[in-house]
């Protein structure tokens, strides 16, 4: 049991995250969705998680098509390098539009165009 007597704190939320993710994944599985928990905002009295639900097959096809088209525009030929796997493109992000997952630690990183070309061209 997590102690919330002092309100929401970073250690409390780190302890809460696994059970929250498990509950959301169970809910998403029941409804045929994918869920992604991306942090959130908190203060002493409230916690607002950033959660997104996607229809698995539709979202995947759309995201893949978007990534493929941006790779073609940017002359990138491969999705995988020795360090990263290219997972997405955010057209609203001017400086760091490419999203890649590290093979070393599994975390997602934002990459600029030059770094993406260096790894994936």
C-alpha atoms as a PDB file:
ATOM      1  CA  UNK A   1       0.000   0.000   0.000  1.00  0.00           C
ATOM      2  CA  UNK A   2       1.363   3.393  -1.003  1.00  0.00           C
ATOM      3  CA  UNK A   3       1.327   6.114   1.642  1.00  0.00           C
ATOM      4  CA  UNK A   4      -0.318   9.282   0.318  1.00  0.00           C
ATOM      5  CA  UNK A   5      -0.453  11.042   3.702  1.00  0.00           C
ATOM      6  CA  UNK A   6       1.959  13.719   2.419  1.00  0.00           C
ATOM      7  CA  UNK A   7       0.162  14.039  -0.912  1.00  0.00           C
ATOM      8  CA  UNK A   8       1.497  13.066  -4.290  1.00  0.00           C
ATOM      9  CA  UNK A   9       5.283  12.886  -4.481  1.00  0.00           C
ATOM     10  CA  UNK A  10       7.635  11.590  -7.136  1.00  0.00           C
ATOM     11  CA  UNK A  11       8.517   8.405  -5.186  1.00  0.00           C
ATOM     12  CA  UNK A  12       4.793   7.726  -4.553  1.00  0.00           C
ATOM     13  CA  UNK A  13       3.988   8.082  -8.235  1.00  0.00           C
ATOM     14  CA  UNK A  14       6.899   5.858  -9.274  1.00  0.00           C
ATOM     15  CA  UNK A  15       5.509   3.186  -6.952  1.00  0.00           C
ATOM     16  CA  UNK A  16       1.969   3.744  -8.269  1.00  0.00           C
ATOM     17  CA  UNK A  17       2.897   3.564 -11.984  1.00  0.00           C
ATOM     18  CA  UNK A  18       3.173  -0.250 -12.387  1.00  0.00           C
ATOM     19  CA  UNK A  19      -0.250  -0.938 -10.867  1.00  0.00           C
ATOM     20  CA  UNK A  20      -1.828   1.931 -12.832  1.00  0.00           C
ATOM     21  CA  UNK A  21      -0.298   0.626 -16.076  1.00  0.00           C
ATOM     22  CA  UNK A  22      -1.519  -2.903 -15.324  1.00  0.00           C
ATOM     23  CA  UNK A  23      -5.068  -1.687 -14.686  1.00  0.00           C
ATOM     24  CA  UNK A  24      -5.082   0.433 -17.857  1.00  0.00           C
ATOM     25  CA  UNK A  25      -3.666  -2.420 -19.957  1.00  0.00           C
ATOM     26  CA  UNK A  26      -6.341  -4.765 -18.627  1.00  0.00           C
ATOM     27  CA  UNK A  27      -9.043  -2.225 -19.489  1.00  0.00           C
ATOM     28  CA  UNK A  28      -7.565  -1.652 -22.957  1.00  0.00           C
ATOM     29  CA  UNK A  29      -7.329  -5.389 -23.638  1.00  0.00           C
ATOM     30  CA  UNK A  30     -11.006  -5.861 -22.748  1.00  0.00           C
ATOM     31  CA  UNK A  31     -11.953  -3.240 -25.330  1.00  0.00           C
ATOM     32  CA  UNK A  32      -9.456  -4.144 -28.062  1.00  0.00           C
ATOM     33  CA  UNK A  33      -7.310  -1.038 -27.599  1.00  0.00           C
ATOM     34  CA  UNK A  34      -3.689  -0.164 -26.946  1.00  0.00           C
ATOM     35  CA  UNK A  35      -2.830   2.139 -24.070  1.00  0.00           C
ATOM     36  CA  UNK A  36       0.190   4.342 -23.488  1.00  0.00           C
ATOM     37  CA  UNK A  37       0.944   6.072 -20.177  1.00  0.00           C
ATOM     38  CA  UNK A  38       3.273   9.037 -20.733  1.00  0.00           C
ATOM     39  CA  UNK A  39       3.903  10.612 -17.356  1.00  0.00           C
ATOM     40  CA  UNK A  40       1.647  13.452 -16.329  1.00  0.00           C
ATOM     41  CA  UNK A  41       1.385  16.422 -13.992  1.00  0.00           C
ATOM     42  CA  UNK A  42       1.088  16.411 -10.240  1.00  0.00           C
ATOM     43  CA  UNK A  43       1.128  18.600  -7.181  1.00  0.00           C
ATOM     44  CA  UNK A  44       0.499  17.756  -3.527  1.00  0.00           C
ATOM     45  CA  UNK A  45      -3.256  17.356  -3.995  1.00  0.00           C
ATOM     46  CA  UNK A  46      -3.736  15.937  -7.487  1.00  0.00           C
ATOM     47  CA  UNK A  47      -2.197  13.738 -10.155  1.00  0.00           C
ATOM     48  CA  UNK A  48      -3.221  14.015 -13.810  1.00  0.00           C
ATOM     49  CA  UNK A  49      -1.731  11.170 -15.852  1.00  0.00           C
ATOM     50  CA  UNK A  50      -1.238  11.562 -19.594  1.00  0.00           C
ATOM     51  CA  UNK A  51      -2.921   8.513 -21.088  1.00  0.00           C
ATOM     52  CA  UNK A  52      -3.668   7.778 -24.727  1.00  0.00           C
ATOM     53  CA  UNK A  53      -5.747   4.947 -26.152  1.00  0.00           C
ATOM     54  CA  UNK A  54      -5.440   3.751 -29.740  1.00  0.00           C
ATOM     55  CA  UNK A  55      -7.233   1.194 -31.837  1.00  0.00           C
ATOM     56  CA  UNK A  56      -4.347  -1.194 -32.390  1.00  0.00           C
ATOM     57  CA  UNK A  57      -4.667  -2.097 -36.058  1.00  0.00           C
ATOM     58  CA  UNK A  58      -5.790   1.315 -37.325  1.00  0.00           C
ATOM     59  CA  UNK A  59      -3.260   3.313 -35.308  1.00  0.00           C
ATOM     60  CA  UNK A  60      -0.378   1.024 -36.306  1.00  0.00           C
ATOM     61  CA  UNK A  61      -1.184   1.236 -40.016  1.00  0.00           C
ATOM     62  CA  UNK A  62      -1.548   5.018 -39.867  1.00  0.00           C
ATOM     63  CA  UNK A  63       1.647   5.526 -37.849  1.00  0.00           C
ATOM     64  CA  UNK A  64       3.641   3.192 -40.111  1.00  0.00           C
ATOM     65  CA  UNK A  65       2.408   4.915 -43.266  1.00  0.00           C
ATOM     66  CA  UNK A  66       3.285   8.315 -41.804  1.00  0.00           C
ATOM     67  CA  UNK A  67       6.764   7.143 -40.790  1.00  0.00           C
ATOM     68  CA  UNK A  68       7.400   5.533 -44.183  1.00  0.00           C
ATOM     69  CA  UNK A  69       6.419   8.696 -46.054  1.00  0.00           C
ATOM     70  CA  UNK A  70       8.654  10.918 -43.909  1.00  0.00           C
ATOM     71  CA  UNK A  71      11.532   8.463 -44.295  1.00  0.00           C
ATOM     72  CA  UNK A  72      11.140   8.665 -48.069  1.00  0.00           C
ATOM     73  CA  UNK A  73      11.034  12.489 -48.011  1.00  0.00           C
ATOM     74  CA  UNK A  74      14.156  12.610 -45.827  1.00  0.00           C
ATOM     75  CA  UNK A  75      16.035   9.943 -47.818  1.00  0.00           C
ATOM     76  CA  UNK A  76      16.268   7.512 -44.912  1.00  0.00           C
ATOM     77  CA  UNK A  77      16.597   3.935 -46.103  1.00  0.00           C
ATOM     78  CA  UNK A  78      16.466   1.783 -42.964  1.00  0.00           C
ATOM     79  CA  UNK A  79      14.435   1.693 -39.741  1.00  0.00           C
ATOM     80  CA  UNK A  80      17.138   0.063 -37.637  1.00  0.00           C
ATOM     81  CA  UNK A  81      20.705   1.012 -36.777  1.00  0.00           C
ATOM     82  CA  UNK A  82      23.199  -0.427 -34.318  1.00  0.00           C
ATOM     83  CA  UNK A  83      21.859   1.804 -31.495  1.00  0.00           C
ATOM     84  CA  UNK A  84      18.259   2.742 -32.391  1.00  0.00           C
ATOM     85  CA  UNK A  85      15.026   1.521 -33.950  1.00  0.00           C
ATOM     86  CA  UNK A  86      13.053   4.270 -35.674  1.00  0.00           C
ATOM     87  CA  UNK A  87       9.511   4.282 -34.254  1.00  0.00           C
ATOM     88  CA  UNK A  88       7.848   7.522 -35.318  1.00  0.00           C
ATOM     89  CA  UNK A  89       7.861  11.003 -36.756  1.00  0.00           C
ATOM     90  CA  UNK A  90       6.253  14.053 -35.137  1.00  0.00           C
ATOM     91  CA  UNK A  91       5.575  16.599 -37.864  1.00  0.00           C
ATOM     92  CA  UNK A  92       4.762  19.289 -35.270  1.00  0.00           C
ATOM     93  CA  UNK A  93       8.242  19.100 -33.722  1.00  0.00           C
ATOM     94  CA  UNK A  94      10.587  21.340 -35.684  1.00  0.00           C
ATOM     95  CA  UNK A  95      13.856  20.583 -33.890  1.00  0.00           C
ATOM     96  CA  UNK A  96      13.525  16.918 -32.929  1.00  0.00           C
ATOM     97  CA  UNK A  97      10.888  15.300 -35.148  1.00  0.00           C
ATOM     98  CA  UNK A  98      12.201  11.710 -35.233  1.00  0.00           C
ATOM     99  CA  UNK A  99      11.323   9.263 -32.454  1.00  0.00           C
ATOM    100  CA  UNK A 100      13.601   6.286 -31.913  1.00  0.00           C
ATOM    101  CA  UNK A 101      13.798   3.554 -29.282  1.00  0.00           C
ATOM    102  CA  UNK A 102      17.237   2.684 -27.942  1.00  0.00           C
ATOM    103  CA  UNK A 103      18.352  -0.938 -28.277  1.00  0.00           C
ATOM    104  CA  UNK A 104      20.516  -0.510 -25.186  1.00  0.00           C
ATOM    105  CA  UNK A 105      18.064   0.766 -22.567  1.00  0.00           C
ATOM    106  CA  UNK A 106      14.681   0.547 -24.330  1.00  0.00           C
ATOM    107  CA  UNK A 107      13.893   4.235 -23.799  1.00  0.00           C
ATOM    108  CA  UNK A 108      12.455   6.490 -26.475  1.00  0.00           C
ATOM    109  CA  UNK A 109      14.545   9.397 -27.714  1.00  0.00           C
ATOM    110  CA  UNK A 110      13.816  12.387 -29.920  1.00  0.00           C
ATOM    111  CA  UNK A 111      16.327  12.867 -32.727  1.00  0.00           C
ATOM    112  CA  UNK A 112      17.015  15.813 -35.009  1.00  0.00           C
ATOM    113  CA  UNK A 113      17.293  15.408 -38.784  1.00  0.00           C
ATOM    114  CA  UNK A 114      21.102  15.206 -38.804  1.00  0.00           C
ATOM    115  CA  UNK A 115      21.221  12.500 -36.150  1.00  0.00           C
ATOM    116  CA  UNK A 116      18.487  10.530 -37.937  1.00  0.00           C
ATOM    117  CA  UNK A 117      20.437  10.718 -41.224  1.00  0.00           C
ATOM    118  CA  UNK A 118      23.625   9.643 -39.463  1.00  0.00           C
ATOM    119  CA  UNK A 119      21.942   6.519 -38.052  1.00  0.00           C
ATOM    120  CA  UNK A 120      19.357   5.573 -40.673  1.00  0.00           C
ATOM    121  CA  UNK A 121      20.592   6.770 -44.094  1.00  0.00           C
END
